C-alpha atoms as a PDB file:
ATOM      1  CA  MET A   1      -4.494  35.688   7.337  1.00  0.00           C
ATOM      2  CA  PRO A   2      -3.073  32.279   8.182  1.00  0.00           C
ATOM      3  CA  LEU A   3      -4.989  29.468   9.444  1.00  0.00           C
ATOM      4  CA  ARG A   4      -4.810  28.705  13.204  1.00  0.00           C
ATOM      5  CA  VAL A   5      -4.730  25.347  14.859  1.00  0.00           C
ATOM      6  CA  LYS A   6      -8.089  24.816  16.479  1.00  0.00           C
ATOM      7  CA  LYS A   7      -7.589  21.247  17.718  1.00  0.00           C
ATOM      8  CA  THR A   8      -5.293  18.244  17.230  1.00  0.00           C
ATOM      9  CA  GLN A   9      -6.542  14.760  18.044  1.00  0.00           C
ATOM     10  CA  LYS A  10      -5.391  11.212  17.700  1.00  0.00           C
ATOM     11  CA  ARG A  11      -7.563   9.058  15.548  1.00  0.00           C
ATOM     12  CA  ARG A  12      -7.670   5.391  14.918  1.00  0.00           C
ATOM     13  CA  LEU A  13      -6.954   4.377  11.200  1.00  0.00           C
ATOM     14  CA  VAL A  14      -7.764   0.963  10.137  1.00  0.00           C
ATOM     15  CA  THR A  15      -6.741  -0.205   6.670  1.00  0.00           C
ATOM     16  CA  PRO A  16      -6.716  -3.819   5.156  1.00  0.00           C
ATOM     17  CA  THR A  17      -2.997  -3.973   6.285  1.00  0.00           C
ATOM     18  CA  LYS A  18      -2.617  -2.113   9.570  1.00  0.00           C
ATOM     19  CA  ASP A  19      -4.422  -0.612  12.590  1.00  0.00           C
ATOM     20  CA  THR A  20      -2.602   2.526  13.588  1.00  0.00           C
ATOM     21  CA  LYS A  21      -3.118   5.839  15.177  1.00  0.00           C
ATOM     22  CA  VAL A  22      -2.761   9.211  13.185  1.00  0.00           C
ATOM     23  CA  VAL A  23      -2.811  12.780  14.354  1.00  0.00           C
ATOM     24  CA  GLU A  24      -5.526  14.925  12.720  1.00  0.00           C
ATOM     25  CA  VAL A  25      -5.094  18.660  12.767  1.00  0.00           C
ATOM     26  CA  ILE A  26      -8.071  20.842  12.528  1.00  0.00           C
ATOM     27  CA  LYS A  27      -7.421  24.402  11.586  1.00  0.00           C
ATOM     28  CA  ARG A  28      -9.756  27.380  11.658  1.00  0.00           C
ATOM     29  CA  CYS A  29      -9.797  30.710   9.657  1.00  0.00           C
ATOM     30  CA  ASN A  30     -10.288  33.705  12.020  1.00  0.00           C
ATOM     31  CA  CYS A  31     -11.858  35.775   9.364  1.00  0.00           C
ATOM     32  CA  SER A  32     -14.662  33.427   8.339  1.00  0.00           C
ATOM     33  CA  ASN A  33     -14.607  30.900  11.158  1.00  0.00           C
ATOM     34  CA  GLU A  34     -14.398  28.209   8.510  1.00  0.00           C
ATOM     35  CA  THR A  35     -12.922  24.926   9.671  1.00  0.00           C
ATOM     36  CA  PHE A  36     -10.349  22.984   7.672  1.00  0.00           C
ATOM     37  CA  VAL A  37      -9.267  19.288   8.023  1.00  0.00           C
ATOM     38  CA  SER A  38      -6.734  17.179   6.262  1.00  0.00           C
ATOM     39  CA  LYS A  39      -7.790  16.426   2.753  1.00  0.00           C
ATOM     40  CA  LYS A  40      -5.511  13.481   2.610  1.00  0.00           C
ATOM     41  CA  LEU A  41      -7.272  11.834   5.719  1.00  0.00           C
ATOM     42  CA  ARG A  42     -10.718  12.631   4.211  1.00  0.00           C
ATOM     43  CA  LYS A  43      -9.796  10.762   1.057  1.00  0.00           C
ATOM     44  CA  LEU A  44      -8.882   7.676   3.162  1.00  0.00           C
ATOM     45  CA  THR A  45     -11.791   7.441   5.412  1.00  0.00           C
ATOM     46  CA  PRO A  46     -15.504   8.600   5.659  1.00  0.00           C
ATOM     47  CA  GLN A  47     -15.974  11.375   8.047  1.00  0.00           C
ATOM     48  CA  LYS A  48     -15.962  10.222  11.748  1.00  0.00           C
ATOM     49  CA  SER A  49     -15.129   6.690  10.784  1.00  0.00           C
ATOM     50  CA  PRO A  50     -11.764   4.979  11.578  1.00  0.00           C
ATOM     51  CA  TYR A  51     -12.186   2.415   8.732  1.00  0.00           C
ATOM     52  CA  SER A  52     -10.677   3.105   5.346  1.00  0.00           C
ATOM     53  CA  PHE A  53     -12.551   3.182   2.160  1.00  0.00           C
ATOM     54  CA  ASP A  54     -10.347   0.291   0.930  1.00  0.00           C
ATOM     55  CA  LEU A  55     -11.096  -1.727   4.009  1.00  0.00           C
ATOM     56  CA  LEU A  56     -14.915  -1.160   3.537  1.00  0.00           C
ATOM     57  CA  ALA A  57     -14.559  -2.287  -0.039  1.00  0.00           C
ATOM     58  CA  GLN A  58     -12.524  -5.354   0.845  1.00  0.00           C
ATOM     59  CA  ILE A  59     -15.147  -6.303   3.530  1.00  0.00           C
ATOM     60  CA  GLY A  60     -17.867  -5.769   1.028  1.00  0.00           C
ATOM     61  CA  ARG A  61     -16.191  -8.013  -1.487  1.00  0.00           C
ATOM     62  CA  LEU A  62     -15.635 -10.766   1.134  1.00  0.00           C
ATOM     63  CA  ARG A  63     -19.134 -10.505   2.420  1.00  0.00           C
ATOM     64  CA  PHE A  64     -21.036 -10.259  -0.820  1.00  0.00           C
ATOM     65  CA  ASP A  65     -18.983 -11.641  -3.698  1.00  0.00           C
ATOM     66  CA  GLU A  66     -17.394 -14.530  -1.610  1.00  0.00           C
ATOM     67  CA  HIS A  67     -20.406 -14.901   0.665  1.00  0.00           C
ATOM     68  CA  ARG A  68     -18.287 -14.907   3.851  1.00  0.00           C
ATOM     69  CA  GLN A  69     -19.626 -14.632   7.262  1.00  0.00           C
ATOM     70  CA  VAL A  70     -18.601 -12.012   9.707  1.00  0.00           C
ATOM     71  CA  SER A  71     -16.497 -14.500  11.711  1.00  0.00           C
ATOM     72  CA  ASP A  72     -14.739 -15.451   8.503  1.00  0.00           C
ATOM     73  CA  ILE A  73     -14.038 -11.831   7.746  1.00  0.00           C
ATOM     74  CA  ARG A  74     -12.628 -11.287  11.143  1.00  0.00           C
ATOM     75  CA  ARG A  75     -10.289 -14.255  10.720  1.00  0.00           C
ATOM     76  CA  HIS A  76      -9.131 -13.049   7.355  1.00  0.00           C
ATOM     77  CA  PHE A  77      -8.091  -9.672   8.715  1.00  0.00           C
ATOM     78  CA  SER A  78      -6.596 -11.238  11.890  1.00  0.00           C
ATOM     79  CA  LYS A  79      -4.050 -12.852   9.612  1.00  0.00           C
ATOM     80  CA  SER A  80      -2.876  -9.275   8.654  1.00  0.00           C
ATOM     81  CA  GLY A  81      -2.611  -8.365  12.392  1.00  0.00           C
ATOM     82  CA  ILE A  82      -5.912  -6.534  12.431  1.00  0.00           C
ATOM     83  CA  ASN A  83      -7.889  -7.772  15.318  1.00  0.00           C
ATOM     84  CA  THR A  84     -11.566  -6.735  15.541  1.00  0.00           C
ATOM     85  CA  ARG A  85     -14.334  -7.710  17.837  1.00  0.00           C
ATOM     86  CA  HIS A  86     -17.277  -9.451  16.320  1.00  0.00           C
ATOM     87  CA  ASN A  87     -19.588  -6.286  16.594  1.00  0.00           C
ATOM     88  CA  CYS A  88     -16.720  -4.202  14.844  1.00  0.00           C
ATOM     89  CA  ALA A  89     -16.642  -6.398  11.858  1.00  0.00           C
ATOM     90  CA  ALA A  90     -20.460  -6.435  11.689  1.00  0.00           C
ATOM     91  CA  SER A  91     -20.515  -2.588  11.939  1.00  0.00           C
ATOM     92  CA  VAL A  92     -18.094  -2.205   9.104  1.00  0.00           C
ATOM     93  CA  GLN A  93     -20.255  -4.556   7.053  1.00  0.00           C
ATOM     94  CA  GLU A  94     -23.278  -2.276   7.805  1.00  0.00           C
ATOM     95  CA  ILE A  95     -21.263   0.725   6.841  1.00  0.00           C
ATOM     96  CA  PHE A  96     -20.344  -0.906   3.573  1.00  0.00           C
ATOM     97  CA  GLU A  97     -24.053  -1.642   2.960  1.00  0.00           C
ATOM     98  CA  ILE A  98     -25.084   1.962   3.613  1.00  0.00           C
ATOM     99  CA  PHE A  99     -22.463   3.281   1.150  1.00  0.00           C
ATOM    100  CA  HIS A 100     -23.435   0.833  -1.407  1.00  0.00           C
ATOM    101  CA  ARG A 101     -27.077   1.635  -1.181  1.00  0.00           C
ATOM    102  CA  ARG A 102     -26.317   5.374  -1.244  1.00  0.00           C
ATOM    103  CA  ALA A 103     -24.137   4.952  -4.285  1.00  0.00           C
ATOM    104  CA  SER A 104     -26.980   2.959  -6.105  1.00  0.00           C
ATOM    105  CA  GLY A 105     -29.606   5.522  -5.057  1.00  0.00           C
ATOM    106  CA  GLU A 106     -31.472   3.336  -2.706  1.00  0.00           C
ATOM    107  CA  TYR A 107     -30.849   5.499   0.286  1.00  0.00           C
ATOM    108  CA  PRO A 108     -30.797   9.364   0.194  1.00  0.00           C
ATOM    109  CA  THR A 109     -27.492  11.057   1.137  1.00  0.00           C
ATOM    110  CA  ASP A 110     -27.338  13.308   4.147  1.00  0.00           C
END
């Protein structure tokens, strides 16, 4: 039995080079009620996050390797046309720290 479209939604996708909108199609199997989402989109971003993994990694490098402040990171990305509020850049930094700590075993995974 084919999958049926359960919902489509526009999502924000922020990468190091652009801030754009994408359409996510969520499909459901009538037999098992399993839900399926785009594997390609899941490889780009953490679940329920608009920020791409490569953006998180770049923010982490700027913050921890180059010891940049959040305001410097915001200026860095604004040069690429990605304008973020101060709390947005700080939130991305926090997300990076959580992923880093989970990868190192410091935090348990969900």
